[in-house]
């Protein structure tokens, strides 16, 4: 595998990952009440716990995207 191929892989992984994160955040903004009700009906958890879970998910996703896609892409751009 060449450096150019790896650079392109990490670039597209970064782009798609950030799109998923933004889409998830926008969906949560639009469908927050529906999500809270469904989680309460299905699992019996309070809306505050659902909010904490969603924000934790988005935070972990952001860190994972930075560590596993964005930073390697930047390093490959620098050394390539």
N, C-alpha and C. Protein backbone atom coordinates (compact mmCIF):
# COMPACT_ATOMS: atom_id res chain seq x y z
N UNK A 1 0.85 -1.18 0.00
CA UNK A 1 0.00 0.00 0.00
C UNK A 1 0.89 1.24 0.00
N UNK A 2 0.57 2.16 -0.87
CA UNK A 2 1.39 3.36 -0.99
C UNK A 2 0.92 4.44 -0.01
N UNK A 3 1.78 5.44 0.17
CA UNK A 3 1.43 6.56 1.06
C UNK A 3 0.24 7.32 0.49
N UNK A 4 0.16 7.43 -0.83
CA UNK A 4 -0.97 8.13 -1.45
C UNK A 4 -2.29 7.42 -1.18
N UNK A 5 -2.27 6.09 -1.24
CA UNK A 5 -3.47 5.31 -0.97
C UNK A 5 -3.90 5.46 0.48
N UNK A 6 -2.94 5.37 1.39
CA UNK A 6 -3.26 5.55 2.81
C UNK A 6 -3.77 6.95 3.10
N UNK A 7 -3.15 7.94 2.46
CA UNK A 7 -3.59 9.33 2.66
C UNK A 7 -5.04 9.50 2.22
N UNK A 8 -5.36 8.93 1.07
CA UNK A 8 -6.74 9.03 0.57
C UNK A 8 -7.71 8.26 1.46
N UNK A 9 -7.30 7.10 1.95
CA UNK A 9 -8.14 6.31 2.85
C UNK A 9 -8.48 7.10 4.12
N UNK A 10 -7.47 7.68 4.75
CA UNK A 10 -7.70 8.44 5.98
C UNK A 10 -8.48 9.73 5.71
N UNK A 11 -8.29 10.32 4.54
CA UNK A 11 -9.06 11.51 4.19
C UNK A 11 -10.54 11.17 4.09
N UNK A 12 -10.87 10.13 3.34
CA UNK A 12 -12.28 9.76 3.18
C UNK A 12 -12.87 9.23 4.48
N UNK A 13 -12.07 8.53 5.27
CA UNK A 13 -12.55 8.10 6.58
C UNK A 13 -12.88 9.28 7.47
N UNK A 14 -12.05 10.31 7.43
CA UNK A 14 -12.32 11.53 8.20
C UNK A 14 -13.58 12.22 7.72
N UNK A 15 -13.71 12.37 6.42
CA UNK A 15 -14.88 13.07 5.87
C UNK A 15 -16.16 12.33 6.22
N UNK A 16 -16.18 11.03 5.98
CA UNK A 16 -17.39 10.25 6.26
C UNK A 16 -17.70 10.20 7.75
N UNK A 17 -16.68 10.08 8.57
CA UNK A 17 -16.89 10.04 10.01
C UNK A 17 -17.46 11.34 10.54
N UNK A 18 -16.92 12.47 10.08
CA UNK A 18 -17.44 13.76 10.52
C UNK A 18 -18.86 13.98 10.01
N UNK A 19 -19.16 13.48 8.80
CA UNK A 19 -20.53 13.58 8.29
C UNK A 19 -21.50 12.80 9.16
N UNK A 20 -21.09 11.61 9.58
CA UNK A 20 -21.94 10.80 10.47
C UNK A 20 -22.16 11.52 11.79
N UNK A 21 -21.11 12.11 12.33
CA UNK A 21 -21.24 12.82 13.60
C UNK A 21 -22.16 14.03 13.47
N UNK A 22 -22.01 14.80 12.43
CA UNK A 22 -22.87 15.97 12.23
C UNK A 22 -24.31 15.54 12.00
N UNK A 23 -24.51 14.50 11.19
CA UNK A 23 -25.86 14.00 10.94
C UNK A 23 -26.51 13.51 12.23
N UNK A 24 -25.76 12.80 13.05
CA UNK A 24 -26.28 12.33 14.32
C UNK A 24 -26.65 13.49 15.23
N UNK A 25 -25.81 14.50 15.30
CA UNK A 25 -26.10 15.67 16.12
C UNK A 25 -27.34 16.41 15.64
N UNK A 26 -27.46 16.58 14.32
CA UNK A 26 -28.64 17.25 13.77
C UNK A 26 -29.91 16.44 14.00
N UNK A 27 -29.81 15.13 13.83
CA UNK A 27 -30.98 14.28 14.09
C UNK A 27 -31.40 14.37 15.55
N UNK A 28 -30.43 14.43 16.45
CA UNK A 28 -30.76 14.54 17.86
C UNK A 28 -31.43 15.88 18.17
N UNK A 29 -30.97 16.94 17.53
CA UNK A 29 -31.60 18.25 17.73
C UNK A 29 -33.04 18.25 17.25
N UNK A 30 -33.30 17.61 16.13
CA UNK A 30 -34.63 17.61 15.54
C UNK A 30 -35.56 16.62 16.25
N UNK A 31 -35.04 15.45 16.63
CA UNK A 31 -35.88 14.37 17.15
C UNK A 31 -35.61 14.06 18.63
N UNK A 32 -35.21 15.07 19.39
CA UNK A 32 -34.83 14.85 20.78
C UNK A 32 -35.97 14.26 21.62
N UNK A 33 -37.16 14.84 21.52
CA UNK A 33 -38.28 14.36 22.32
C UNK A 33 -38.67 12.94 21.95
N UNK A 34 -38.69 12.65 20.66
CA UNK A 34 -39.00 11.29 20.21
C UNK A 34 -37.98 10.30 20.75
N UNK A 35 -36.71 10.65 20.67
CA UNK A 35 -35.66 9.76 21.18
C UNK A 35 -35.76 9.52 22.67
N UNK A 36 -36.05 10.58 23.40
CA UNK A 36 -36.21 10.43 24.86
C UNK A 36 -37.38 9.51 25.19
N UNK A 37 -38.53 9.72 24.51
CA UNK A 37 -39.72 8.88 24.77
C UNK A 37 -39.44 7.42 24.43
N UNK A 38 -38.82 7.17 23.30
CA UNK A 38 -38.54 5.79 22.89
C UNK A 38 -37.59 5.09 23.86
N UNK A 39 -36.56 5.79 24.28
CA UNK A 39 -35.63 5.18 25.23
C UNK A 39 -36.31 4.94 26.58
N UNK A 40 -37.19 5.83 26.96
CA UNK A 40 -37.92 5.63 28.22
C UNK A 40 -38.86 4.43 28.12
N UNK A 41 -39.56 4.30 26.99
CA UNK A 41 -40.47 3.17 26.81
C UNK A 41 -39.71 1.85 26.71
N UNK A 42 -38.61 1.85 25.97
CA UNK A 42 -37.89 0.61 25.73
C UNK A 42 -37.04 0.17 26.92
N UNK A 43 -36.37 1.11 27.55
CA UNK A 43 -35.40 0.76 28.58
C UNK A 43 -35.72 1.32 29.95
N UNK A 44 -36.71 2.20 30.04
CA UNK A 44 -37.11 2.76 31.33
C UNK A 44 -36.11 3.74 31.92
N UNK A 45 -35.38 4.45 31.07
CA UNK A 45 -34.39 5.40 31.59
C UNK A 45 -34.92 6.83 31.45
N UNK A 46 -34.46 7.70 32.29
CA UNK A 46 -34.96 9.07 32.32
C UNK A 46 -34.38 9.88 31.16
N UNK A 47 -35.05 10.98 30.79
CA UNK A 47 -34.54 11.82 29.71
C UNK A 47 -33.15 12.39 29.98
N UNK A 48 -32.84 12.67 31.24
CA UNK A 48 -31.51 13.19 31.56
C UNK A 48 -30.42 12.17 31.25
N UNK A 49 -30.70 10.91 31.54
CA UNK A 49 -29.72 9.85 31.26
C UNK A 49 -29.55 9.67 29.76
N UNK A 50 -30.64 9.77 29.02
CA UNK A 50 -30.56 9.67 27.56
C UNK A 50 -29.70 10.80 27.00
N UNK A 51 -29.92 12.03 27.49
CA UNK A 51 -29.11 13.16 27.03
C UNK A 51 -27.63 12.94 27.33
N UNK A 52 -27.32 12.47 28.52
CA UNK A 52 -25.93 12.21 28.89
C UNK A 52 -25.33 11.15 27.97
N UNK A 53 -26.11 10.12 27.67
CA UNK A 53 -25.63 9.06 26.79
C UNK A 53 -25.34 9.56 25.38
N UNK A 54 -26.23 10.39 24.85
CA UNK A 54 -26.03 10.92 23.50
C UNK A 54 -24.81 11.83 23.45
N UNK A 55 -24.68 12.71 24.44
CA UNK A 55 -23.53 13.61 24.45
C UNK A 55 -22.22 12.85 24.67
N UNK A 56 -22.26 11.79 25.47
CA UNK A 56 -21.07 10.96 25.65
C UNK A 56 -20.72 10.25 24.35
N UNK A 57 -21.74 9.75 23.64
CA UNK A 57 -21.51 9.09 22.35
C UNK A 57 -20.87 10.06 21.36
N UNK A 58 -21.42 11.27 21.26
CA UNK A 58 -20.87 12.24 20.31
C UNK A 58 -19.44 12.64 20.69
N UNK A 59 -19.18 12.77 21.98
CA UNK A 59 -17.83 13.11 22.43
C UNK A 59 -16.83 12.01 22.14
N UNK A 60 -17.22 10.77 22.41
CA UNK A 60 -16.32 9.64 22.12
C UNK A 60 -16.11 9.47 20.63
N UNK A 61 -17.16 9.69 19.85
CA UNK A 61 -17.02 9.60 18.40
C UNK A 61 -16.05 10.66 17.88
N UNK A 62 -16.14 11.87 18.42
CA UNK A 62 -15.24 12.94 18.00
C UNK A 62 -13.79 12.60 18.32
N UNK A 63 -13.54 12.11 19.52
CA UNK A 63 -12.17 11.74 19.90
C UNK A 63 -11.66 10.59 19.05
N UNK A 64 -12.52 9.58 18.81
CA UNK A 64 -12.11 8.44 17.98
C UNK A 64 -11.79 8.87 16.56
N UNK A 65 -12.60 9.75 16.01
CA UNK A 65 -12.32 10.24 14.65
C UNK A 65 -11.02 11.01 14.60
N UNK A 66 -10.77 11.82 15.61
CA UNK A 66 -9.50 12.56 15.64
C UNK A 66 -8.30 11.62 15.73
N UNK A 67 -8.38 10.66 16.63
CA UNK A 67 -7.23 9.78 16.89
C UNK A 67 -7.00 8.79 15.75
N UNK A 68 -8.08 8.21 15.22
CA UNK A 68 -7.91 7.11 14.27
C UNK A 68 -7.99 7.53 12.80
N UNK A 69 -8.47 8.72 12.50
CA UNK A 69 -8.56 9.14 11.10
C UNK A 69 -7.88 10.48 10.83
N UNK A 70 -8.27 11.52 11.56
CA UNK A 70 -7.81 12.87 11.21
C UNK A 70 -6.31 13.05 11.46
N UNK A 71 -5.84 12.65 12.62
CA UNK A 71 -4.41 12.82 12.93
C UNK A 71 -3.53 11.98 12.01
N UNK A 72 -3.86 10.69 11.75
CA UNK A 72 -3.03 9.95 10.77
C UNK A 72 -3.05 10.58 9.38
N UNK A 73 -4.18 11.13 8.98
CA UNK A 73 -4.26 11.81 7.68
C UNK A 73 -3.32 13.01 7.65
N UNK A 74 -3.33 13.82 8.72
CA UNK A 74 -2.44 14.98 8.77
C UNK A 74 -0.97 14.55 8.75
N UNK A 75 -0.64 13.50 9.47
CA UNK A 75 0.75 13.02 9.50
C UNK A 75 1.17 12.54 8.10
N UNK A 76 0.28 11.82 7.43
CA UNK A 76 0.61 11.36 6.09
C UNK A 76 0.75 12.52 5.11
N UNK A 77 -0.06 13.56 5.29
CA UNK A 77 0.09 14.74 4.44
C UNK A 77 1.44 15.42 4.67
N UNK A 78 1.88 15.45 5.93
CA UNK A 78 3.15 16.09 6.24
C UNK A 78 4.33 15.29 5.69
N UNK A 79 4.31 13.97 5.87
CA UNK A 79 5.45 13.17 5.41
C UNK A 79 5.39 12.85 3.92
N UNK A 80 4.20 12.98 3.32
CA UNK A 80 4.06 12.64 1.89
C UNK A 80 4.52 13.77 1.05
